Amino acid sequence: MEDERMIQRAVEWIEENLQREIQLADVASFSGYSKFHFHRLFQSVLSMSVDQYIRTRRLAVAAVLLIHSDERILDIAFFASFNSQEAFSRAFKKTYRLAPGEYRRIMRSIRFKQEEGFMMQEMKGWFLSGSHPHLYKMGIDRQVVHTGNASGYLHSQFVTEAEEFATMMQQFKADKFLGKRLKLSCFIKCEDVDQFSGAWMRVDDQLGDVLQFDNMGNRPIKGTLDWNYYSIVLDVPSRSQTISFGVLLQGKGKLWVNQFQFEEVPETYATTNLEIMPELLDEPVNLSFDE
């Protein structure tokens, strides 16, 4: 987990400096690691190099500007730290399969129709649950994006009590992962979270008993934070039946999530399972029920 915390600090630094020139040596120096060691750790955690991550994020910012602003493509290219419109167009088309001008025209023409459709139906695969789901709203955001074209969001609307919470979640069969160690990762951004937010995953048996669980209760996300990387690692015992996962928001605030990913990892990865054990007394007490 220490390596991941270091990567989280590095990602936070990258996000803060996304609009200036960034070299691998700059990020490694901030992290206090050698370039070689930092590059290896970054690649192992995020499955991409530092340069790839920076370029992907800059292209995502450019994609949002193409749809939601009237800035010239040349100015957007410079804003995304490309030296020319031609270099920007080549990189953009490789990622989004369309040239910037085509992307702007097509995405603008269908944006309002898509957003209206998303308002009328739930997101595929996702549902809202929790103690007070009616006080929260989930949906798709095409302006606050980490990569690709959209992110999912969970926002409080009518929350008044600190204990109220909701989760945007999914469930699926555990069959493919039985006997394996499973890592769930994602990118999360939050704004004005006053109580608690985070990713979570739970592994249940056929009777619905919890076998493994982590909701980031020991490393909560609070306040206002830019996009960063978070992960959960749990074992999936052979008697597992279902796996549930999602993001939760307790109290007031806003939460965006992007790039959920599952992968099998070796046992060298430490699990993040939160074992909730009752506190044991030194000796029996109140045997006559006098107290």
C-alpha atoms as a PDB file:
ATOM      1  CA  MET A   1       0.000   0.000   0.000  1.00  0.00           C
ATOM      2  CA  GLU A   2       2.926   2.373   0.530  1.00  0.00           C
ATOM      3  CA  ASP A   3       3.813   2.169  -3.165  1.00  0.00           C
ATOM      4  CA  GLU A   4       0.227   3.013  -4.088  1.00  0.00           C
ATOM      5  CA  ARG A   5       0.159   5.988  -1.715  1.00  0.00           C
ATOM      6  CA  MET A   6       3.319   7.246  -3.383  1.00  0.00           C
ATOM      7  CA  ILE A   7       1.682   6.878  -6.810  1.00  0.00           C
ATOM      8  CA  GLN A   8      -1.396   8.726  -5.516  1.00  0.00           C
ATOM      9  CA  ARG A   9       0.790  11.641  -4.422  1.00  0.00           C
ATOM     10  CA  ALA A  10       2.484  11.603  -7.835  1.00  0.00           C
ATOM     11  CA  VAL A  11      -0.853  11.588  -9.689  1.00  0.00           C
ATOM     12  CA  GLU A  12      -2.042  14.484  -7.536  1.00  0.00           C
ATOM     13  CA  TRP A  13       1.115  16.424  -8.464  1.00  0.00           C
ATOM     14  CA  ILE A  14       0.635  15.642 -12.157  1.00  0.00           C
ATOM     15  CA  GLU A  15      -2.976  16.866 -12.053  1.00  0.00           C
ATOM     16  CA  GLU A  16      -1.870  20.127 -10.433  1.00  0.00           C
ATOM     17  CA  ASN A  17       0.784  20.672 -13.115  1.00  0.00           C
ATOM     18  CA  LEU A  18      -1.000  19.243 -16.151  1.00  0.00           C
ATOM     19  CA  GLN A  19      -0.812  22.499 -18.126  1.00  0.00           C
ATOM     20  CA  ARG A  20       2.962  22.895 -17.868  1.00  0.00           C
ATOM     21  CA  GLU A  21       5.832  20.840 -19.261  1.00  0.00           C
ATOM     22  CA  ILE A  22       6.344  17.702 -17.163  1.00  0.00           C
ATOM     23  CA  GLN A  23       9.300  15.355 -17.414  1.00  0.00           C
ATOM     24  CA  LEU A  24       9.662  11.945 -15.792  1.00  0.00           C
ATOM     25  CA  ALA A  25      12.522  13.359 -13.736  1.00  0.00           C
ATOM     26  CA  ASP A  26      10.214  16.063 -12.321  1.00  0.00           C
ATOM     27  CA  VAL A  27       7.653  13.581 -11.033  1.00  0.00           C
ATOM     28  CA  ALA A  28      10.315  11.166  -9.775  1.00  0.00           C
ATOM     29  CA  SER A  29      12.045  13.993  -7.928  1.00  0.00           C
ATOM     30  CA  PHE A  30       8.768  15.045  -6.291  1.00  0.00           C
ATOM     31  CA  SER A  31       8.227  11.437  -5.198  1.00  0.00           C
ATOM     32  CA  GLY A  32      11.761  11.076  -3.832  1.00  0.00           C
ATOM     33  CA  TYR A  33      12.571   8.057  -6.037  1.00  0.00           C
ATOM     34  CA  SER A  34      15.069   7.476  -8.819  1.00  0.00           C
ATOM     35  CA  LYS A  35      13.656   7.798 -12.345  1.00  0.00           C
ATOM     36  CA  PHE A  36      14.073   4.068 -12.986  1.00  0.00           C
ATOM     37  CA  HIS A  37      12.426   2.950  -9.739  1.00  0.00           C
ATOM     38  CA  PHE A  38       9.580   5.451 -10.014  1.00  0.00           C
ATOM     39  CA  HIS A  39       8.864   4.531 -13.650  1.00  0.00           C
ATOM     40  CA  ARG A  40       8.740   0.832 -12.749  1.00  0.00           C
ATOM     41  CA  LEU A  41       6.345   1.416  -9.841  1.00  0.00           C
ATOM     42  CA  PHE A  42       4.094   3.771 -11.812  1.00  0.00           C
ATOM     43  CA  GLN A  43       3.896   1.291 -14.680  1.00  0.00           C
ATOM     44  CA  SER A  44       3.135  -1.633 -12.359  1.00  0.00           C
ATOM     45  CA  VAL A  45       0.312   0.212 -10.555  1.00  0.00           C
ATOM     46  CA  LEU A  46      -1.376   2.061 -13.439  1.00  0.00           C
ATOM     47  CA  SER A  47      -0.373  -0.251 -16.326  1.00  0.00           C
ATOM     48  CA  MET A  48       0.889   2.751 -18.299  1.00  0.00           C
ATOM     49  CA  SER A  49       3.951   4.956 -18.323  1.00  0.00           C
ATOM     50  CA  VAL A  50       4.063   8.460 -16.858  1.00  0.00           C
ATOM     51  CA  ASP A  51       4.161   9.942 -20.368  1.00  0.00           C
ATOM     52  CA  GLN A  52       1.162   7.862 -21.442  1.00  0.00           C
ATOM     53  CA  TYR A  53      -0.835   8.951 -18.401  1.00  0.00           C
ATOM     54  CA  ILE A  54      -0.049  12.637 -18.944  1.00  0.00           C
ATOM     55  CA  ARG A  55      -0.922  12.483 -22.643  1.00  0.00           C
ATOM     56  CA  THR A  56      -4.152  10.578 -21.952  1.00  0.00           C
ATOM     57  CA  ARG A  57      -5.248  13.169 -19.395  1.00  0.00           C
ATOM     58  CA  ARG A  58      -4.396  16.095 -21.662  1.00  0.00           C
ATOM     59  CA  LEU A  59      -6.346  14.539 -24.530  1.00  0.00           C
ATOM     60  CA  ALA A  60      -9.340  14.025 -22.223  1.00  0.00           C
ATOM     61  CA  VAL A  61      -9.245  17.693 -21.225  1.00  0.00           C
ATOM     62  CA  ALA A  62      -8.996  18.622 -24.920  1.00  0.00           C
ATOM     63  CA  ALA A  63     -12.005  16.418 -25.761  1.00  0.00           C
ATOM     64  CA  VAL A  64     -14.118  18.259 -23.176  1.00  0.00           C
ATOM     65  CA  LEU A  65     -13.016  21.646 -24.560  1.00  0.00           C
ATOM     66  CA  LEU A  66     -13.878  20.577 -28.103  1.00  0.00           C
ATOM     67  CA  ILE A  67     -17.453  19.815 -27.080  1.00  0.00           C
ATOM     68  CA  HIS A  68     -18.134  22.471 -24.472  1.00  0.00           C
ATOM     69  CA  SER A  69     -16.137  25.498 -25.692  1.00  0.00           C
ATOM     70  CA  ASP A  70     -15.679  27.495 -28.876  1.00  0.00           C
ATOM     71  CA  GLU A  71     -11.890  27.631 -28.580  1.00  0.00           C
ATOM     72  CA  ARG A  72      -9.992  27.138 -31.834  1.00  0.00           C
ATOM     73  CA  ILE A  73      -8.547  23.662 -32.319  1.00  0.00           C
ATOM     74  CA  LEU A  74      -5.079  25.231 -32.579  1.00  0.00           C
ATOM     75  CA  ASP A  75      -5.503  26.915 -29.181  1.00  0.00           C
ATOM     76  CA  ILE A  76      -6.762  23.670 -27.646  1.00  0.00           C
ATOM     77  CA  ALA A  77      -3.736  21.888 -29.097  1.00  0.00           C
ATOM     78  CA  PHE A  78      -1.385  24.367 -27.429  1.00  0.00           C
ATOM     79  CA  PHE A  79      -3.373  24.181 -24.181  1.00  0.00           C
ATOM     80  CA  ALA A  80      -2.909  20.398 -24.253  1.00  0.00           C
ATOM     81  CA  SER A  81       0.882  20.963 -24.595  1.00  0.00           C
ATOM     82  CA  PHE A  82       1.193  19.904 -28.240  1.00  0.00           C
ATOM     83  CA  ASN A  83       3.636  21.842 -30.428  1.00  0.00           C
ATOM     84  CA  SER A  84       1.355  21.889 -33.460  1.00  0.00           C
ATOM     85  CA  GLN A  85      -2.217  21.243 -34.505  1.00  0.00           C
ATOM     86  CA  GLU A  86      -1.018  18.405 -36.728  1.00  0.00           C
ATOM     87  CA  ALA A  87       0.655  16.555 -33.842  1.00  0.00           C
ATOM     88  CA  PHE A  88      -2.422  17.107 -31.687  1.00  0.00           C
ATOM     89  CA  SER A  89      -4.748  15.825 -34.435  1.00  0.00           C
ATOM     90  CA  ARG A  90      -2.704  12.645 -34.920  1.00  0.00           C
ATOM     91  CA  ALA A  91      -2.659  11.864 -31.196  1.00  0.00           C
ATOM     92  CA  PHE A  92      -6.331  12.739 -30.752  1.00  0.00           C
ATOM     93  CA  LYS A  93      -7.461  10.569 -33.660  1.00  0.00           C
ATOM     94  CA  LYS A  94      -5.410   7.635 -32.391  1.00  0.00           C
ATOM     95  CA  THR A  95      -7.243   7.797 -29.048  1.00  0.00           C
ATOM     96  CA  TYR A  96     -10.759   8.903 -30.055  1.00  0.00           C
ATOM     97  CA  ARG A  97     -10.890   7.435 -33.587  1.00  0.00           C
ATOM     98  CA  LEU A  98     -11.951  10.826 -34.990  1.00  0.00           C
ATOM     99  CA  ALA A  99     -10.083  13.968 -35.979  1.00  0.00           C
ATOM    100  CA  PRO A 100     -10.680  16.865 -33.541  1.00  0.00           C
ATOM    101  CA  GLY A 101     -12.947  18.768 -35.950  1.00  0.00           C
ATOM    102  CA  GLU A 102     -15.041  15.684 -36.695  1.00  0.00           C
ATOM    103  CA  TYR A 103     -15.230  14.836 -32.998  1.00  0.00           C
ATOM    104  CA  ARG A 104     -16.472  18.344 -32.155  1.00  0.00           C
ATOM    105  CA  ARG A 105     -19.114  18.317 -34.878  1.00  0.00           C
ATOM    106  CA  ILE A 106     -20.431  14.802 -34.219  1.00  0.00           C
ATOM    107  CA  MET A 107     -20.392  14.944 -30.421  1.00  0.00           C
ATOM    108  CA  ARG A 108     -22.096  18.342 -30.335  1.00  0.00           C
ATOM    109  CA  SER A 109     -24.836  17.155 -32.690  1.00  0.00           C
ATOM    110  CA  ILE A 110     -25.748  14.189 -30.491  1.00  0.00           C
ATOM    111  CA  ARG A 111     -24.915  15.618 -27.044  1.00  0.00           C
ATOM    112  CA  PHE A 112     -28.311  16.941 -26.072  1.00  0.00           C
ATOM    113  CA  LYS A 113     -30.154  13.918 -27.383  1.00  0.00           C
ATOM    114  CA  GLN A 114     -27.852  11.597 -25.427  1.00  0.00           C
ATOM    115  CA  GLU A 115     -28.131  13.608 -22.217  1.00  0.00           C
ATOM    116  CA  GLU A 116     -31.908  13.643 -22.489  1.00  0.00           C
ATOM    117  CA  GLY A 117     -31.870   9.865 -22.927  1.00  0.00           C
ATOM    118  CA  PHE A 118     -29.632   9.344 -19.906  1.00  0.00           C
ATOM    119  CA  MET A 119     -31.975  11.444 -17.776  1.00  0.00           C
ATOM    120  CA  MET A 120     -34.884   9.199 -18.741  1.00  0.00           C
ATOM    121  CA  GLN A 121     -33.235   5.873 -17.917  1.00  0.00           C
ATOM    122  CA  GLU A 122     -30.792   4.414 -15.452  1.00  0.00           C
ATOM    123  CA  MET A 123     -27.222   3.780 -16.484  1.00  0.00           C
ATOM    124  CA  LYS A 124     -26.707   0.291 -17.859  1.00  0.00           C
ATOM    125  CA  GLY A 125     -25.574  -2.098 -15.130  1.00  0.00           C
ATOM    126  CA  TRP A 126     -25.624   0.470 -12.316  1.00  0.00           C
ATOM    127  CA  PHE A 127     -28.220   1.055  -9.613  1.00  0.00           C
ATOM    128  CA  LEU A 128     -28.569   3.357  -6.640  1.00  0.00           C
ATOM    129  CA  SER A 129     -28.739   1.929  -3.125  1.00  0.00           C
ATOM    130  CA  GLY A 130     -27.783   2.844   0.444  1.00  0.00           C
ATOM    131  CA  SER A 131     -29.567   4.141   3.530  1.00  0.00           C
ATOM    132  CA  HIS A 132     -31.209   7.101   1.745  1.00  0.00           C
ATOM    133  CA  PRO A 133     -30.762   6.663  -2.030  1.00  0.00           C
ATOM    134  CA  HIS A 134     -33.681   9.012  -2.765  1.00  0.00           C
ATOM    135  CA  LEU A 135     -31.621  11.891  -1.339  1.00  0.00           C
ATOM    136  CA  TYR A 136     -28.856  11.368  -3.907  1.00  0.00           C
ATOM    137  CA  LYS A 137     -28.555  11.433  -7.675  1.00  0.00           C
ATOM    138  CA  MET A 138     -26.362   9.368  -9.971  1.00  0.00           C
ATOM    139  CA  GLY A 139     -25.728   9.821 -13.650  1.00  0.00           C
ATOM    140  CA  ILE A 140     -23.266  10.369 -16.483  1.00  0.00           C
ATOM    141  CA  ASP A 141     -21.140  13.511 -16.723  1.00  0.00           C
ATOM    142  CA  ARG A 142     -19.559  14.504 -20.041  1.00  0.00           C
ATOM    143  CA  GLN A 143     -17.811  17.620 -18.763  1.00  0.00           C
ATOM    144  CA  VAL A 144     -15.965  16.267 -15.710  1.00  0.00           C
ATOM    145  CA  VAL A 145     -13.998  13.449 -17.337  1.00  0.00           C
ATOM    146  CA  HIS A 146     -10.804  11.604 -16.491  1.00  0.00           C
ATOM    147  CA  THR A 147     -10.367   9.676 -19.738  1.00  0.00           C
ATOM    148  CA  GLY A 148     -12.647   8.780 -22.608  1.00  0.00           C
ATOM    149  CA  ASN A 149     -15.954  10.573 -23.130  1.00  0.00           C
ATOM    150  CA  ALA A 150     -17.707  10.424 -19.769  1.00  0.00           C
ATOM    151  CA  SER A 151     -17.560   9.671 -16.067  1.00  0.00           C
ATOM    152  CA  GLY A 152     -20.152   8.474 -13.585  1.00  0.00           C
ATOM    153  CA  TYR A 153     -21.234  10.756 -10.750  1.00  0.00           C
ATOM    154  CA  LEU A 154     -22.942  10.498  -7.378  1.00  0.00           C
ATOM    155  CA  HIS A 155     -24.199  13.786  -5.875  1.00  0.00           C
ATOM    156  CA  SER A 156     -26.094  14.599  -2.706  1.00  0.00           C
ATOM    157  CA  GLN A 157     -29.300  16.575  -3.259  1.00  0.00           C
ATOM    158  CA  PHE A 158     -31.459  16.734  -0.138  1.00  0.00           C
ATOM    159  CA  VAL A 159     -29.127  15.338   2.527  1.00  0.00           C
ATOM    160  CA  THR A 160     -29.559  16.812   6.022  1.00  0.00           C
ATOM    161  CA  GLU A 161     -28.007  14.227   8.366  1.00  0.00           C
ATOM    162  CA  ALA A 162     -24.358  13.150   8.508  1.00  0.00           C
ATOM    163  CA  GLU A 163     -25.302   9.457   8.709  1.00  0.00           C
ATOM    164  CA  GLU A 164     -27.241   9.412   5.426  1.00  0.00           C
ATOM    165  CA  PHE A 165     -25.461   7.744   2.515  1.00  0.00           C
ATOM    166  CA  ALA A 166     -25.924   6.261  -0.944  1.00  0.00           C
ATOM    167  CA  THR A 167     -23.922   4.048  -3.255  1.00  0.00           C
ATOM    168  CA  MET A 168     -23.768   3.668  -7.022  1.00  0.00           C
ATOM    169  CA  MET A 169     -23.136  -0.040  -7.433  1.00  0.00           C
ATOM    170  CA  GLN A 170     -23.150  -3.281  -9.421  1.00  0.00           C
ATOM    171  CA  GLN A 171     -23.259  -7.003  -8.584  1.00  0.00           C
ATOM    172  CA  PHE A 172     -22.022 -10.006 -10.559  1.00  0.00           C
ATOM    173  CA  LYS A 173     -21.353 -13.723 -10.130  1.00  0.00           C
ATOM    174  CA  ALA A 174     -18.074 -14.684  -8.482  1.00  0.00           C
ATOM    175  CA  ASP A 175     -17.614 -17.859 -10.582  1.00  0.00           C
ATOM    176  CA  LYS A 176     -14.728 -16.617 -12.762  1.00  0.00           C
ATOM    177  CA  PHE A 177     -12.676 -15.480  -9.785  1.00  0.00           C
ATOM    178  CA  LEU A 178     -13.097 -18.327  -7.294  1.00  0.00           C
ATOM    179  CA  GLY A 179      -9.899 -19.014  -5.372  1.00  0.00           C
ATOM    180  CA  LYS A 180      -8.226 -15.896  -6.759  1.00  0.00           C
ATOM    181  CA  ARG A 181      -7.035 -12.592  -5.359  1.00  0.00           C
ATOM    182  CA  LEU A 182      -8.900  -9.777  -7.074  1.00  0.00           C
ATOM    183  CA  LYS A 183      -7.925  -6.126  -7.432  1.00  0.00           C
ATOM    184  CA  LEU A 184     -10.507  -3.435  -8.136  1.00  0.00           C
ATOM    185  CA  SER A 185      -9.125  -0.059  -9.212  1.00  0.00           C
ATOM    186  CA  CYS A 186     -10.619   3.230 -10.378  1.00  0.00           C
ATOM    187  CA  PHE A 187     -10.081   6.975 -10.543  1.00  0.00           C
ATOM    188  CA  ILE A 188     -12.132   9.207  -8.239  1.00  0.00           C
ATOM    189  CA  LYS A 189     -12.606  12.979  -7.991  1.00  0.00           C
ATOM    190  CA  CYS A 190     -14.594  14.625  -5.200  1.00  0.00           C
ATOM    191  CA  GLU A 191     -15.916  18.044  -4.253  1.00  0.00           C
ATOM    192  CA  ASP A 192     -17.083  19.300  -0.843  1.00  0.00           C
ATOM    193  CA  VAL A 193     -17.421  15.839   0.703  1.00  0.00           C
ATOM    194  CA  ASP A 194     -18.092  16.607   4.361  1.00  0.00           C
ATOM    195  CA  GLN A 195     -18.236  13.079   5.799  1.00  0.00           C
ATOM    196  CA  PHE A 196     -16.909  10.175   3.775  1.00  0.00           C
ATOM    197  CA  SER A 197     -16.544   8.815   0.248  1.00  0.00           C
ATOM    198  CA  GLY A 198     -14.647   6.019  -1.448  1.00  0.00           C
ATOM    199  CA  ALA A 199     -14.724   2.914  -3.584  1.00  0.00           C
ATOM    200  CA  TRP A 200     -15.872  -0.390  -2.090  1.00  0.00           C
ATOM    201  CA  MET A 201     -16.050  -4.103  -2.864  1.00  0.00           C
ATOM    202  CA  ARG A 202     -17.702  -7.009  -1.055  1.00  0.00           C
ATOM    203  CA  VAL A 203     -17.536 -10.790  -1.565  1.00  0.00           C
ATOM    204  CA  ASP A 204     -20.551 -12.804  -0.290  1.00  0.00           C
ATOM    205  CA  ASP A 205     -21.332 -16.518  -0.029  1.00  0.00           C
ATOM    206  CA  GLN A 206     -24.560 -18.244  -1.067  1.00  0.00           C
ATOM    207  CA  LEU A 207     -26.300 -17.304   2.198  1.00  0.00           C
ATOM    208  CA  GLY A 208     -25.380 -13.653   1.784  1.00  0.00           C
ATOM    209  CA  ASP A 209     -22.752 -13.708   4.528  1.00  0.00           C
ATOM    210  CA  VAL A 210     -19.826 -11.361   3.964  1.00  0.00           C
ATOM    211  CA  LEU A 211     -16.553 -13.183   3.292  1.00  0.00           C
ATOM    212  CA  GLN A 212     -14.373 -10.210   2.321  1.00  0.00           C
ATOM    213  CA  PHE A 213     -15.082  -6.488   2.445  1.00  0.00           C
ATOM    214  CA  ASP A 214     -13.378  -3.122   2.027  1.00  0.00           C
ATOM    215  CA  ASN A 215     -15.030   0.313   1.795  1.00  0.00           C
ATOM    216  CA  MET A 216     -11.854   2.366   2.324  1.00  0.00           C
ATOM    217  CA  GLY A 217     -13.052   3.098   5.837  1.00  0.00           C
ATOM    218  CA  ASN A 218      -9.435   3.280   7.007  1.00  0.00           C
ATOM    219  CA  ARG A 219      -8.416   5.643   4.162  1.00  0.00           C
ATOM    220  CA  PRO A 220     -11.503   7.785   3.399  1.00  0.00           C
ATOM    221  CA  ILE A 221     -11.710  10.416   0.679  1.00  0.00           C
ATOM    222  CA  LYS A 222     -12.923  13.775   2.011  1.00  0.00           C
ATOM    223  CA  GLY A 223     -13.066  17.429   1.044  1.00  0.00           C
ATOM    224  CA  THR A 224     -12.245  18.523  -2.496  1.00  0.00           C
ATOM    225  CA  LEU A 225      -9.681  16.458  -4.381  1.00  0.00           C
ATOM    226  CA  ASP A 226      -8.801  16.166  -8.058  1.00  0.00           C
ATOM    227  CA  TRP A 227      -8.714  12.878  -9.948  1.00  0.00           C
ATOM    228  CA  ASN A 228      -6.623  10.193  -8.274  1.00  0.00           C
ATOM    229  CA  TYR A 229      -6.114   6.452  -8.345  1.00  0.00           C
ATOM    230  CA  TYR A 230      -7.549   4.091  -5.711  1.00  0.00           C
ATOM    231  CA  SER A 231      -7.652   0.320  -5.388  1.00  0.00           C
ATOM    232  CA  ILE A 232      -9.051  -2.509  -3.294  1.00  0.00           C
ATOM    233  CA  VAL A 233      -7.601  -6.034  -3.100  1.00  0.00           C
ATOM    234  CA  LEU A 234      -9.718  -8.922  -1.782  1.00  0.00           C
ATOM    235  CA  ASP A 235      -9.584 -12.708  -1.855  1.00  0.00           C
ATOM    236  CA  VAL A 236     -12.471 -14.577  -3.470  1.00  0.00           C
ATOM    237  CA  PRO A 237     -12.839 -17.823  -1.466  1.00  0.00           C
ATOM    238  CA  SER A 238     -14.016 -20.987  -3.213  1.00  0.00           C
ATOM    239  CA  ARG A 239     -17.473 -20.746  -1.578  1.00  0.00           C
ATOM    240  CA  SER A 240     -18.095 -17.211  -2.875  1.00  0.00           C
ATOM    241  CA  GLN A 241     -21.346 -16.513  -4.704  1.00  0.00           C
ATOM    242  CA  THR A 242     -21.491 -12.822  -5.583  1.00  0.00           C
ATOM    243  CA  ILE A 243     -19.186  -9.825  -5.845  1.00  0.00           C
ATOM    244  CA  SER A 244     -20.584  -6.334  -5.287  1.00  0.00           C
ATOM    245  CA  PHE A 245     -18.736  -3.074  -5.887  1.00  0.00           C
ATOM    246  CA  GLY A 246     -19.190   0.621  -6.442  1.00  0.00           C
ATOM    247  CA  VAL A 247     -18.600   4.024  -4.888  1.00  0.00           C
ATOM    248  CA  LEU A 248     -20.307   5.429  -1.818  1.00  0.00           C
ATOM    249  CA  LEU A 249     -20.953   8.918  -0.555  1.00  0.00           C
ATOM    250  CA  GLN A 250     -21.934   9.661   3.039  1.00  0.00           C
ATOM    251  CA  GLY A 251     -23.304  13.082   3.892  1.00  0.00           C
ATOM    252  CA  LYS A 252     -23.122  16.010   1.508  1.00  0.00           C
ATOM    253  CA  GLY A 253     -20.841  16.361  -1.488  1.00  0.00           C
ATOM    254  CA  LYS A 254     -20.132  15.317  -5.064  1.00  0.00           C
ATOM    255  CA  LEU A 255     -18.221  12.320  -6.363  1.00  0.00           C
ATOM    256  CA  TRP A 256     -17.070  11.388  -9.877  1.00  0.00           C
ATOM    257  CA  VAL A 257     -15.622   7.995 -10.871  1.00  0.00           C
ATOM    258  CA  ASN A 258     -13.991   6.648 -14.014  1.00  0.00           C
ATOM    259  CA  GLN A 259     -12.070   3.633 -15.331  1.00  0.00           C
ATOM    260  CA  PHE A 260     -13.199   0.819 -13.048  1.00  0.00           C
ATOM    261  CA  GLN A 261     -10.986  -2.191 -13.682  1.00  0.00           C
ATOM    262  CA  PHE A 262     -10.754  -5.714 -12.283  1.00  0.00           C
ATOM    263  CA  GLU A 263      -7.622  -7.841 -12.467  1.00  0.00           C
ATOM    264  CA  GLU A 264      -6.342 -11.012 -10.845  1.00  0.00           C
ATOM    265  CA  VAL A 265      -3.213 -10.334  -8.804  1.00  0.00           C
ATOM    266  CA  PRO A 266      -0.678 -12.677  -7.149  1.00  0.00           C
ATOM    267  CA  GLU A 267      -0.577 -13.303  -3.400  1.00  0.00           C
ATOM    268  CA  THR A 268       2.349 -10.910  -3.092  1.00  0.00           C
ATOM    269  CA  TYR A 269      -0.295  -8.169  -3.210  1.00  0.00           C
ATOM    270  CA  ALA A 270      -1.546  -7.452   0.310  1.00  0.00           C
ATOM    271  CA  THR A 271      -5.312  -7.598   0.726  1.00  0.00           C
ATOM    272  CA  THR A 272      -7.185  -4.561   1.995  1.00  0.00           C
ATOM    273  CA  ASN A 273      -9.904  -6.637   3.654  1.00  0.00           C
ATOM    274  CA  LEU A 274     -11.343  -4.859   6.703  1.00  0.00           C
ATOM    275  CA  GLU A 275     -11.773  -7.485   9.393  1.00  0.00           C
ATOM    276  CA  ILE A 276     -14.319  -6.263  11.889  1.00  0.00           C
ATOM    277  CA  MET A 277     -13.744  -8.330  14.999  1.00  0.00           C
ATOM    278  CA  PRO A 278     -15.712  -7.850  18.237  1.00  0.00           C
ATOM    279  CA  GLU A 279     -13.672  -6.648  21.172  1.00  0.00           C
ATOM    280  CA  LEU A 280     -12.954  -9.561  23.543  1.00  0.00           C
ATOM    281  CA  LEU A 281     -13.265  -9.040  27.283  1.00  0.00           C
ATOM    282  CA  ASP A 282     -10.598 -10.256  29.677  1.00  0.00           C
ATOM    283  CA  GLU A 283     -13.220 -12.248  31.626  1.00  0.00           C
ATOM    284  CA  PRO A 284     -17.004 -12.795  31.695  1.00  0.00           C
ATOM    285  CA  VAL A 285     -19.080  -9.993  33.210  1.00  0.00           C
ATOM    286  CA  ASN A 286     -22.654  -9.315  34.428  1.00  0.00           C
ATOM    287  CA  LEU A 287     -23.474 -12.983  34.796  1.00  0.00           C
ATOM    288  CA  SER A 288     -26.486 -12.249  37.036  1.00  0.00           C
ATOM    289  CA  PHE A 289     -27.782  -9.416  34.844  1.00  0.00           C
ATOM    290  CA  ASP A 290     -27.568  -6.929  37.730  1.00  0.00           C
ATOM    291  CA  GLU A 291     -26.078  -4.211  35.561  1.00  0.00           C
END
